[in-house]
Amino acid sequence: MSDEPHWRPRVPAAAVLRHDRTRNADVLLLPERVVVLHGSGRAVLDLCDGTRTVDEITGLLSTEDSDSRIRRDVTSFLDRLRTEGCLR
């Protein structure tokens, strides 16, 4: 889980989010690497603009029924991308 509760993740300026027709998938393009996004990965990264905290992002994506599962999944996804250097 994120060790910084007030972290406001953002996609780096050098990165591009787009749909790749060849892969038929959304991708995060970074210098010298491509991250293929599955499921709701694109929706999560669209909210990572540096103005919202991880809690705010998960709150926008969750419903009462799925709150804890969404929170856990989104936090894990963002932490993994941060560890890999894909988020600031």
N, C-alpha and C. Protein backbone atom coordinates (compact mmCIF):
# COMPACT_ATOMS: atom_id res chain seq x y z
N MET A 1 0.83 -1.19 0.00
CA MET A 1 0.00 0.00 0.00
C MET A 1 0.88 1.25 0.00
N SER A 2 0.29 2.32 -0.45
CA SER A 2 1.06 3.55 -0.56
C SER A 2 1.50 4.03 0.81
N ASP A 3 2.78 4.37 0.92
CA ASP A 3 3.30 4.86 2.19
C ASP A 3 3.10 6.36 2.33
N GLU A 4 2.57 7.00 1.31
CA GLU A 4 2.32 8.43 1.35
C GLU A 4 0.84 8.70 1.09
N PRO A 5 0.04 8.87 2.13
CA PRO A 5 -1.41 9.03 1.94
C PRO A 5 -1.79 10.30 1.18
N HIS A 6 -0.91 11.25 1.12
CA HIS A 6 -1.24 12.50 0.42
C HIS A 6 -0.58 12.59 -0.94
N TRP A 7 -0.04 11.46 -1.41
CA TRP A 7 0.58 11.40 -2.73
C TRP A 7 -0.44 11.74 -3.81
N ARG A 8 -0.08 12.61 -4.70
CA ARG A 8 -0.92 13.01 -5.82
C ARG A 8 -0.26 12.52 -7.11
N PRO A 9 -0.58 11.28 -7.51
CA PRO A 9 0.11 10.69 -8.65
C PRO A 9 -0.17 11.46 -9.94
N ARG A 10 0.84 11.49 -10.79
CA ARG A 10 0.66 12.10 -12.11
C ARG A 10 1.50 11.34 -13.13
N VAL A 11 0.98 11.32 -14.32
CA VAL A 11 1.70 10.73 -15.44
C VAL A 11 2.78 11.72 -15.83
N PRO A 12 4.03 11.29 -16.01
CA PRO A 12 5.11 12.22 -16.36
C PRO A 12 4.82 12.95 -17.68
N ALA A 13 5.37 14.13 -17.81
CA ALA A 13 5.16 14.92 -19.02
C ALA A 13 5.66 14.20 -20.27
N ALA A 14 6.66 13.37 -20.14
CA ALA A 14 7.23 12.65 -21.29
C ALA A 14 6.39 11.44 -21.69
N ALA A 15 5.35 11.13 -20.93
CA ALA A 15 4.52 9.96 -21.21
C ALA A 15 3.26 10.35 -21.98
N VAL A 16 2.73 9.39 -22.71
CA VAL A 16 1.51 9.61 -23.49
C VAL A 16 0.57 8.43 -23.24
N LEU A 17 -0.68 8.75 -22.95
CA LEU A 17 -1.73 7.73 -22.86
C LEU A 17 -2.48 7.71 -24.19
N ARG A 18 -2.59 6.53 -24.80
CA ARG A 18 -3.34 6.46 -26.05
C ARG A 18 -3.83 5.04 -26.28
N HIS A 19 -4.71 4.91 -27.28
CA HIS A 19 -5.19 3.59 -27.67
C HIS A 19 -4.33 3.11 -28.83
N ASP A 20 -3.79 1.92 -28.69
CA ASP A 20 -2.97 1.32 -29.73
C ASP A 20 -3.86 0.37 -30.54
N ARG A 21 -4.11 0.72 -31.79
CA ARG A 21 -4.99 -0.10 -32.63
C ARG A 21 -4.37 -1.47 -32.93
N THR A 22 -3.06 -1.53 -33.04
CA THR A 22 -2.41 -2.81 -33.33
C THR A 22 -2.65 -3.80 -32.20
N ARG A 23 -2.51 -3.35 -30.97
CA ARG A 23 -2.72 -4.22 -29.80
C ARG A 23 -4.18 -4.26 -29.38
N ASN A 24 -4.98 -3.33 -29.91
CA ASN A 24 -6.36 -3.14 -29.49
C ASN A 24 -6.44 -2.98 -27.97
N ALA A 25 -5.56 -2.13 -27.47
CA ALA A 25 -5.49 -1.90 -26.03
C ALA A 25 -5.00 -0.48 -25.77
N ASP A 26 -5.36 0.05 -24.61
CA ASP A 26 -4.81 1.33 -24.18
C ASP A 26 -3.39 1.09 -23.70
N VAL A 27 -2.52 2.07 -23.95
CA VAL A 27 -1.12 1.94 -23.56
C VAL A 27 -0.63 3.25 -22.94
N LEU A 28 0.36 3.11 -22.10
CA LEU A 28 1.10 4.24 -21.55
C LEU A 28 2.47 4.20 -22.22
N LEU A 29 2.75 5.20 -23.05
CA LEU A 29 4.02 5.25 -23.77
C LEU A 29 4.98 6.13 -23.00
N LEU A 30 6.12 5.56 -22.67
CA LEU A 30 7.19 6.27 -21.98
C LEU A 30 8.45 6.14 -22.83
N PRO A 31 9.41 7.01 -22.63
CA PRO A 31 10.65 6.85 -23.39
C PRO A 31 11.20 5.43 -23.22
N GLU A 32 11.37 4.75 -24.34
CA GLU A 32 11.95 3.41 -24.40
C GLU A 32 11.13 2.32 -23.73
N ARG A 33 9.83 2.54 -23.48
CA ARG A 33 9.00 1.46 -22.95
C ARG A 33 7.53 1.72 -23.22
N VAL A 34 6.79 0.63 -23.25
CA VAL A 34 5.34 0.67 -23.46
C VAL A 34 4.71 -0.17 -22.36
N VAL A 35 3.72 0.40 -21.68
CA VAL A 35 2.97 -0.33 -20.66
C VAL A 35 1.57 -0.55 -21.20
N VAL A 36 1.20 -1.81 -21.43
CA VAL A 36 -0.14 -2.13 -21.92
C VAL A 36 -1.08 -2.14 -20.73
N LEU A 37 -2.17 -1.39 -20.85
CA LEU A 37 -3.13 -1.25 -19.76
C LEU A 37 -4.30 -2.19 -19.96
N HIS A 38 -4.71 -2.87 -18.92
CA HIS A 38 -5.83 -3.80 -18.97
C HIS A 38 -6.93 -3.31 -18.05
N GLY A 39 -8.13 -3.76 -18.30
CA GLY A 39 -9.25 -3.43 -17.44
C GLY A 39 -9.45 -1.93 -17.32
N SER A 40 -9.52 -1.45 -16.10
CA SER A 40 -9.78 -0.03 -15.85
C SER A 40 -8.49 0.79 -15.70
N GLY A 41 -7.36 0.24 -16.11
CA GLY A 41 -6.09 0.95 -15.98
C GLY A 41 -6.10 2.33 -16.60
N ARG A 42 -6.70 2.47 -17.78
CA ARG A 42 -6.75 3.78 -18.44
C ARG A 42 -7.61 4.75 -17.64
N ALA A 43 -8.74 4.29 -17.12
CA ALA A 43 -9.61 5.17 -16.34
C ALA A 43 -8.89 5.68 -15.09
N VAL A 44 -8.09 4.82 -14.48
CA VAL A 44 -7.33 5.22 -13.29
C VAL A 44 -6.29 6.26 -13.69
N LEU A 45 -5.51 5.99 -14.73
CA LEU A 45 -4.45 6.92 -15.13
C LEU A 45 -5.00 8.24 -15.66
N ASP A 46 -6.19 8.24 -16.24
CA ASP A 46 -6.80 9.50 -16.68
C ASP A 46 -7.03 10.44 -15.49
N LEU A 47 -7.17 9.88 -14.29
CA LEU A 47 -7.39 10.69 -13.09
C LEU A 47 -6.09 11.12 -12.41
N CYS A 48 -4.97 10.59 -12.88
CA CYS A 48 -3.67 10.88 -12.26
C CYS A 48 -3.05 12.12 -12.91
N ASP A 49 -3.58 13.27 -12.54
CA ASP A 49 -3.12 14.53 -13.13
C ASP A 49 -2.32 15.39 -12.15
N GLY A 50 -2.03 14.84 -10.97
CA GLY A 50 -1.25 15.57 -9.99
C GLY A 50 -2.08 16.45 -9.07
N THR A 51 -3.39 16.49 -9.28
CA THR A 51 -4.24 17.32 -8.42
C THR A 51 -5.03 16.49 -7.40
N ARG A 52 -5.20 15.20 -7.67
CA ARG A 52 -5.98 14.33 -6.79
C ARG A 52 -5.08 13.39 -6.00
N THR A 53 -5.45 13.14 -4.74
CA THR A 53 -4.73 12.15 -3.94
C THR A 53 -5.22 10.76 -4.36
N VAL A 54 -4.51 9.74 -3.93
CA VAL A 54 -4.91 8.37 -4.21
C VAL A 54 -6.30 8.11 -3.63
N ASP A 55 -6.57 8.61 -2.43
CA ASP A 55 -7.90 8.45 -1.83
C ASP A 55 -8.99 9.11 -2.67
N GLU A 56 -8.71 10.27 -3.22
CA GLU A 56 -9.70 10.95 -4.07
C GLU A 56 -9.95 10.16 -5.35
N ILE A 57 -8.89 9.62 -5.92
CA ILE A 57 -9.02 8.82 -7.15
C ILE A 57 -9.86 7.58 -6.88
N THR A 58 -9.56 6.86 -5.81
CA THR A 58 -10.32 5.65 -5.51
C THR A 58 -11.77 6.00 -5.17
N GLY A 59 -11.99 7.12 -4.53
CA GLY A 59 -13.35 7.54 -4.22
C GLY A 59 -14.16 7.81 -5.47
N LEU A 60 -13.55 8.37 -6.49
CA LEU A 60 -14.24 8.63 -7.75
C LEU A 60 -14.58 7.34 -8.50
N LEU A 61 -13.80 6.30 -8.30
CA LEU A 61 -13.99 5.05 -9.03
C LEU A 61 -14.83 4.01 -8.31
N SER A 62 -15.06 4.20 -7.03
CA SER A 62 -15.74 3.16 -6.25
C SER A 62 -17.20 3.48 -5.99
N THR A 63 -17.92 2.42 -5.66
CA THR A 63 -19.29 2.53 -5.19
C THR A 63 -19.30 1.95 -3.79
N GLU A 64 -20.40 2.10 -3.09
CA GLU A 64 -20.46 1.58 -1.72
C GLU A 64 -20.19 0.08 -1.68
N ASP A 65 -20.69 -0.66 -2.67
CA ASP A 65 -20.56 -2.11 -2.68
C ASP A 65 -19.12 -2.57 -2.94
N SER A 66 -18.36 -1.76 -3.68
CA SER A 66 -17.02 -2.21 -4.08
C SER A 66 -15.91 -1.38 -3.46
N ASP A 67 -16.24 -0.55 -2.50
CA ASP A 67 -15.29 0.44 -1.98
C ASP A 67 -13.95 -0.15 -1.55
N SER A 68 -13.94 -1.14 -0.68
CA SER A 68 -12.66 -1.65 -0.16
C SER A 68 -11.87 -2.39 -1.23
N ARG A 69 -12.53 -3.14 -2.09
CA ARG A 69 -11.84 -3.88 -3.16
C ARG A 69 -11.23 -2.90 -4.16
N ILE A 70 -11.99 -1.90 -4.57
CA ILE A 70 -11.48 -0.90 -5.53
C ILE A 70 -10.31 -0.15 -4.92
N ARG A 71 -10.46 0.27 -3.69
CA ARG A 71 -9.39 1.01 -2.99
C ARG A 71 -8.10 0.19 -2.97
N ARG A 72 -8.20 -1.07 -2.62
CA ARG A 72 -7.03 -1.95 -2.57
C ARG A 72 -6.42 -2.14 -3.96
N ASP A 73 -7.25 -2.41 -4.96
CA ASP A 73 -6.76 -2.65 -6.32
C ASP A 73 -6.11 -1.41 -6.93
N VAL A 74 -6.75 -0.26 -6.77
CA VAL A 74 -6.22 0.98 -7.35
C VAL A 74 -4.91 1.36 -6.66
N THR A 75 -4.87 1.27 -5.35
CA THR A 75 -3.65 1.61 -4.62
C THR A 75 -2.50 0.70 -5.03
N SER A 76 -2.78 -0.58 -5.16
CA SER A 76 -1.76 -1.54 -5.57
C SER A 76 -1.26 -1.23 -6.99
N PHE A 77 -2.17 -0.94 -7.90
CA PHE A 77 -1.83 -0.60 -9.29
C PHE A 77 -0.95 0.64 -9.34
N LEU A 78 -1.35 1.69 -8.64
CA LEU A 78 -0.57 2.94 -8.65
C LEU A 78 0.79 2.76 -8.00
N ASP A 79 0.85 2.01 -6.90
CA ASP A 79 2.14 1.76 -6.25
C ASP A 79 3.08 0.99 -7.16
N ARG A 80 2.53 0.01 -7.89
CA ARG A 80 3.37 -0.78 -8.80
C ARG A 80 3.91 0.10 -9.93
N LEU A 81 3.06 0.94 -10.51
CA LEU A 81 3.52 1.85 -11.56
C LEU A 81 4.55 2.85 -11.04
N ARG A 82 4.35 3.30 -9.81
CA ARG A 82 5.32 4.25 -9.22
C ARG A 82 6.67 3.57 -9.02
N THR A 83 6.66 2.34 -8.52
CA THR A 83 7.89 1.59 -8.31
C THR A 83 8.64 1.37 -9.61
N GLU A 84 7.91 1.17 -10.69
CA GLU A 84 8.51 0.94 -12.00
C GLU A 84 8.92 2.25 -12.69
N GLY A 85 8.66 3.39 -12.05
CA GLY A 85 9.05 4.68 -12.62
C GLY A 85 8.09 5.24 -13.63
N CYS A 86 6.85 4.74 -13.65
CA CYS A 86 5.87 5.20 -14.63
C CYS A 86 5.02 6.35 -14.12
N LEU A 87 5.07 6.65 -12.84
CA LEU A 87 4.30 7.75 -12.25
C LEU A 87 5.20 8.60 -11.38
N ARG A 88 4.84 9.84 -11.22
CA ARG A 88 5.56 10.77 -10.34
C ARG A 88 4.69 11.03 -9.13
